[in-house]
C-alpha cells in the first residue's frame, strides 16, 4: 500500500525477447519492496498457442494496461513493468499480414506510452539467448531489438540502456531511480 502523500511511478523495461526484462523487473520489485507487472503477451501467446491475429495484440495491450492499473494500488514508490504497448505494436506489425494497418486501439495504447511511464529502460541483448518454445531465435531477437531502439528514438521517448548481469543492470537502474550519479 502506498503511504498517503506519496506517488507511485511506473518504470518500464522494454527490449526484444530473452533480454532479461522479466528477471530484472522482478528483481527490482523485491529490492524496492514493491510489485512488478509481468508480460501479459506471453500469457496470451501461450493461451492461443502462438496463433495471434490483430485483435489479439489489442487484447494484449489492453489486458497489460489493466494489470498495471490494478498493480498501482499495491505498489510502493515504483511499479516495475515488463514490456508495454510499444513492444506489442512492434511485434504485431511484424506478424500482421502485409498491407493491413495496425488496429487503432493498439496505436492509441502505444502512443500513450511516452506519458505513461516515468522511466523507460531498454534491456540490452548482451546476455545469452535462452531458447524457449514461445520464442523465435537469436537473429529475431537482434532484429526486434533494433526496432525497439528505432521506435523509441522516433517517438522521442527518453530511455536508458542497461547492460550486463542482473545485478549490474539493477545497479544501473537504481542509479537513475535514486538519482545517484
Protein backbone atom coordinates (compact mmCIF):
# COMPACT_ATOMS: atom_id res chain seq x y z
CA UNK A 1 0.00 0.00 0.00
CA UNK A 2 1.24 3.49 -0.84
CA UNK A 3 1.68 5.87 2.09
CA UNK A 4 -0.54 8.90 2.00
CA UNK A 5 1.06 11.74 0.07
CA UNK A 6 3.48 9.52 -1.81
CA UNK A 7 3.36 8.96 -5.53
CA UNK A 8 3.87 5.70 -7.39
CA UNK A 9 5.68 5.97 -10.70
CA UNK A 10 5.73 3.38 -13.46
CA UNK A 11 9.10 2.08 -14.64
CA UNK A 12 9.02 0.02 -17.82
CA UNK A 13 11.56 -2.44 -19.22
CA UNK A 14 11.49 -2.93 -22.97
CA UNK A 15 13.62 -4.82 -25.44
CA UNK A 16 13.47 -7.95 -27.51
CA UNK A 17 12.68 -11.37 -26.10
CA UNK A 18 15.33 -13.00 -23.92
CA UNK A 19 16.92 -9.73 -22.83
CA UNK A 20 16.15 -10.13 -19.14
CA UNK A 21 13.13 -7.84 -18.75
CA UNK A 22 11.14 -10.25 -16.59
CA UNK A 23 14.08 -11.16 -14.37
CA UNK A 24 15.11 -7.53 -13.88
CA UNK A 25 11.62 -6.21 -13.15
CA UNK A 26 11.02 -8.95 -10.55
CA UNK A 27 14.49 -8.44 -9.03
CA UNK A 28 13.93 -4.70 -8.62
CA UNK A 29 10.42 -5.17 -7.23
CA UNK A 30 11.91 -7.30 -4.46
CA UNK A 31 14.76 -4.83 -3.88
CA UNK A 32 12.35 -1.88 -3.56
CA UNK A 33 9.67 -3.85 -1.67
CA UNK A 34 7.06 -3.22 -4.34
CA UNK A 35 5.41 -5.14 -7.16
CA UNK A 36 6.11 -5.97 -10.79
CA UNK A 37 3.70 -6.47 -13.68
CA UNK A 38 4.58 -9.48 -15.84
CA UNK A 39 4.45 -9.55 -19.63
CA UNK A 40 0.79 -10.27 -20.38
CA UNK A 41 1.59 -11.00 -24.03
CA UNK A 42 3.37 -14.20 -23.03
CA UNK A 43 0.20 -15.48 -21.34
CA UNK A 44 -1.97 -14.66 -24.36
CA UNK A 45 0.63 -16.20 -26.72
CA UNK A 46 0.56 -19.42 -24.69
CA UNK A 47 -3.25 -19.45 -24.42
CA UNK A 48 -3.55 -19.14 -28.20
CA UNK A 49 -0.60 -21.46 -28.92
CA UNK A 50 1.26 -18.75 -30.80
CA UNK A 51 -1.50 -18.09 -33.31
CA UNK A 52 -2.21 -14.40 -32.87
CA UNK A 53 -4.23 -12.06 -35.06
CA UNK A 54 -4.51 -8.26 -34.97
CA UNK A 55 -7.27 -8.32 -32.32
CA UNK A 56 -5.07 -10.45 -30.07
CA UNK A 57 -2.41 -7.71 -30.00
CA UNK A 58 -5.10 -5.22 -28.94
CA UNK A 59 -6.18 -7.67 -26.23
CA UNK A 60 -2.57 -7.95 -25.04
CA UNK A 61 -2.14 -4.17 -24.82
CA UNK A 62 -5.48 -3.63 -23.05
CA UNK A 63 -5.00 -6.51 -20.58
CA UNK A 64 -1.46 -5.36 -19.85
CA UNK A 65 -2.57 -1.81 -19.10
CA UNK A 66 -5.37 -3.13 -16.88
CA UNK A 67 -2.87 -5.28 -14.96
CA UNK A 68 -0.70 -2.20 -14.44
CA UNK A 69 -3.65 -0.19 -13.17
CA UNK A 70 -4.57 -2.91 -10.66
CA UNK A 71 -0.94 -3.23 -9.51
CA UNK A 72 -0.66 0.53 -8.89
CA UNK A 73 -2.81 0.10 -5.76
CA UNK A 74 -0.29 -2.38 -4.34
CA UNK A 75 2.90 -0.62 -5.43
CA UNK A 76 5.22 1.41 -3.23
CA UNK A 77 7.06 4.30 -4.89
CA UNK A 78 7.79 2.33 -8.10
CA UNK A 79 5.77 -0.07 -10.23
CA UNK A 80 8.10 -2.19 -12.35
CA UNK A 81 6.56 -3.17 -15.68
CA UNK A 82 7.78 -5.89 -18.03
CA UNK A 83 7.13 -4.62 -21.57
CA UNK A 84 4.50 -2.18 -22.82
CA UNK A 85 2.20 -1.45 -25.76
CA UNK A 86 5.09 -0.17 -27.91
CA UNK A 87 6.65 -3.62 -27.97
CA UNK A 88 3.24 -5.20 -28.52
CA UNK A 89 2.71 -2.88 -31.51
CA UNK A 90 6.13 -3.73 -32.96
CA UNK A 91 5.51 -7.45 -32.65
CA UNK A 92 2.02 -7.02 -34.07
CA UNK A 93 3.44 -5.19 -37.07
CA UNK A 94 5.99 -7.94 -37.59
CA UNK A 95 3.35 -10.67 -37.58
CA UNK A 96 0.44 -8.97 -39.34
CA UNK A 97 -0.34 -9.55 -43.00
CA UNK A 98 1.28 -7.09 -45.36
CA UNK A 99 -1.00 -4.15 -46.11
CA UNK A 100 -3.18 -4.37 -43.01
CA UNK A 101 -2.89 -1.28 -40.80
CA UNK A 102 -2.38 -1.82 -37.08
CA UNK A 103 -5.63 -1.62 -35.10
CA UNK A 104 -6.45 1.93 -33.93
CA UNK A 105 -6.74 0.86 -30.27
CA UNK A 106 -3.24 -0.64 -30.36
CA UNK A 107 -1.87 2.56 -31.91
CA UNK A 108 -3.59 4.59 -29.19
CA UNK A 109 -2.13 2.45 -26.39
CA UNK A 110 1.34 2.68 -27.93
CA UNK A 111 1.01 6.43 -28.38
CA UNK A 112 0.27 6.89 -24.68
CA UNK A 113 3.48 5.14 -23.56
CA UNK A 114 5.53 8.35 -23.61
CA UNK A 115 3.45 9.89 -20.80
CA UNK A 116 2.50 6.66 -19.02
CA UNK A 117 5.98 5.74 -17.73
CA UNK A 118 8.30 7.86 -15.59
CA UNK A 119 11.34 5.89 -16.79
CA UNK A 120 11.97 3.61 -19.76
CA UNK A 121 14.85 1.16 -19.61
CA UNK A 122 15.97 -0.93 -22.56
CA UNK A 123 17.45 -4.28 -21.61
CA UNK A 124 20.43 -4.82 -23.93
CA UNK A 125 20.72 -8.05 -25.87
CA UNK A 126 24.18 -8.71 -24.41
CA UNK A 127 23.15 -11.73 -22.35
CA UNK A 128 22.98 -15.31 -23.66
CA UNK A 129 19.85 -16.10 -25.64
CA UNK A 130 17.56 -18.58 -23.86
CA UNK A 131 15.71 -20.98 -26.15
CA UNK A 132 12.02 -21.45 -25.26
CA UNK A 133 9.06 -22.82 -27.16
CA UNK A 134 7.42 -19.37 -27.18
CA UNK A 135 10.47 -17.64 -28.66
CA UNK A 136 11.70 -17.26 -32.22
CA UNK A 137 15.54 -17.29 -32.36
CA UNK A 138 18.59 -15.15 -31.63
CA UNK A 139 18.58 -13.46 -35.06
CA UNK A 140 14.96 -12.44 -34.46
CA UNK A 141 15.97 -11.04 -31.08
CA UNK A 142 18.56 -8.76 -32.71
CA UNK A 143 16.08 -7.56 -35.31
CA UNK A 144 13.40 -6.74 -32.72
CA UNK A 145 16.00 -5.05 -30.50
CA UNK A 146 16.93 -2.68 -33.32
CA UNK A 147 13.22 -1.97 -33.98
CA UNK A 148 12.64 -1.14 -30.30
CA UNK A 149 15.50 1.37 -30.21
CA UNK A 150 14.46 2.91 -33.53
CA UNK A 151 10.86 3.28 -32.34
CA UNK A 152 11.84 4.90 -29.03
CA UNK A 153 14.07 7.36 -30.90
CA UNK A 154 11.33 8.14 -33.45
CA UNK A 155 8.83 8.80 -30.65
CA UNK A 156 11.43 10.83 -28.74
CA UNK A 157 10.94 8.74 -25.63
CA UNK A 158 13.95 9.12 -23.32
CA UNK A 159 15.46 5.79 -22.30
CA UNK A 160 18.45 4.24 -20.61
CA UNK A 161 20.03 1.06 -21.96
CA UNK A 162 21.16 -1.33 -19.23
CA UNK A 163 23.87 -3.93 -19.77
CA UNK A 164 25.46 -6.86 -18.02
CA UNK A 165 24.28 -9.27 -15.35
CA UNK A 166 21.04 -8.83 -13.41
CA UNK A 167 22.99 -7.26 -10.55
CA UNK A 168 24.83 -4.87 -12.89
CA UNK A 169 21.59 -3.88 -14.60
CA UNK A 170 19.88 -3.39 -11.24
CA UNK A 171 22.70 -1.06 -10.13
CA UNK A 172 22.33 0.96 -13.34
CA UNK A 173 18.56 1.28 -12.82
CA UNK A 174 19.00 2.19 -9.14
CA UNK A 175 21.43 4.98 -10.08
CA UNK A 176 18.73 6.52 -12.28
CA UNK A 177 15.81 5.96 -9.90
CA UNK A 178 17.66 7.02 -6.76
CA UNK A 179 19.31 9.97 -8.50
CA UNK A 180 22.82 8.73 -7.78
CA UNK A 181 25.36 9.92 -10.31
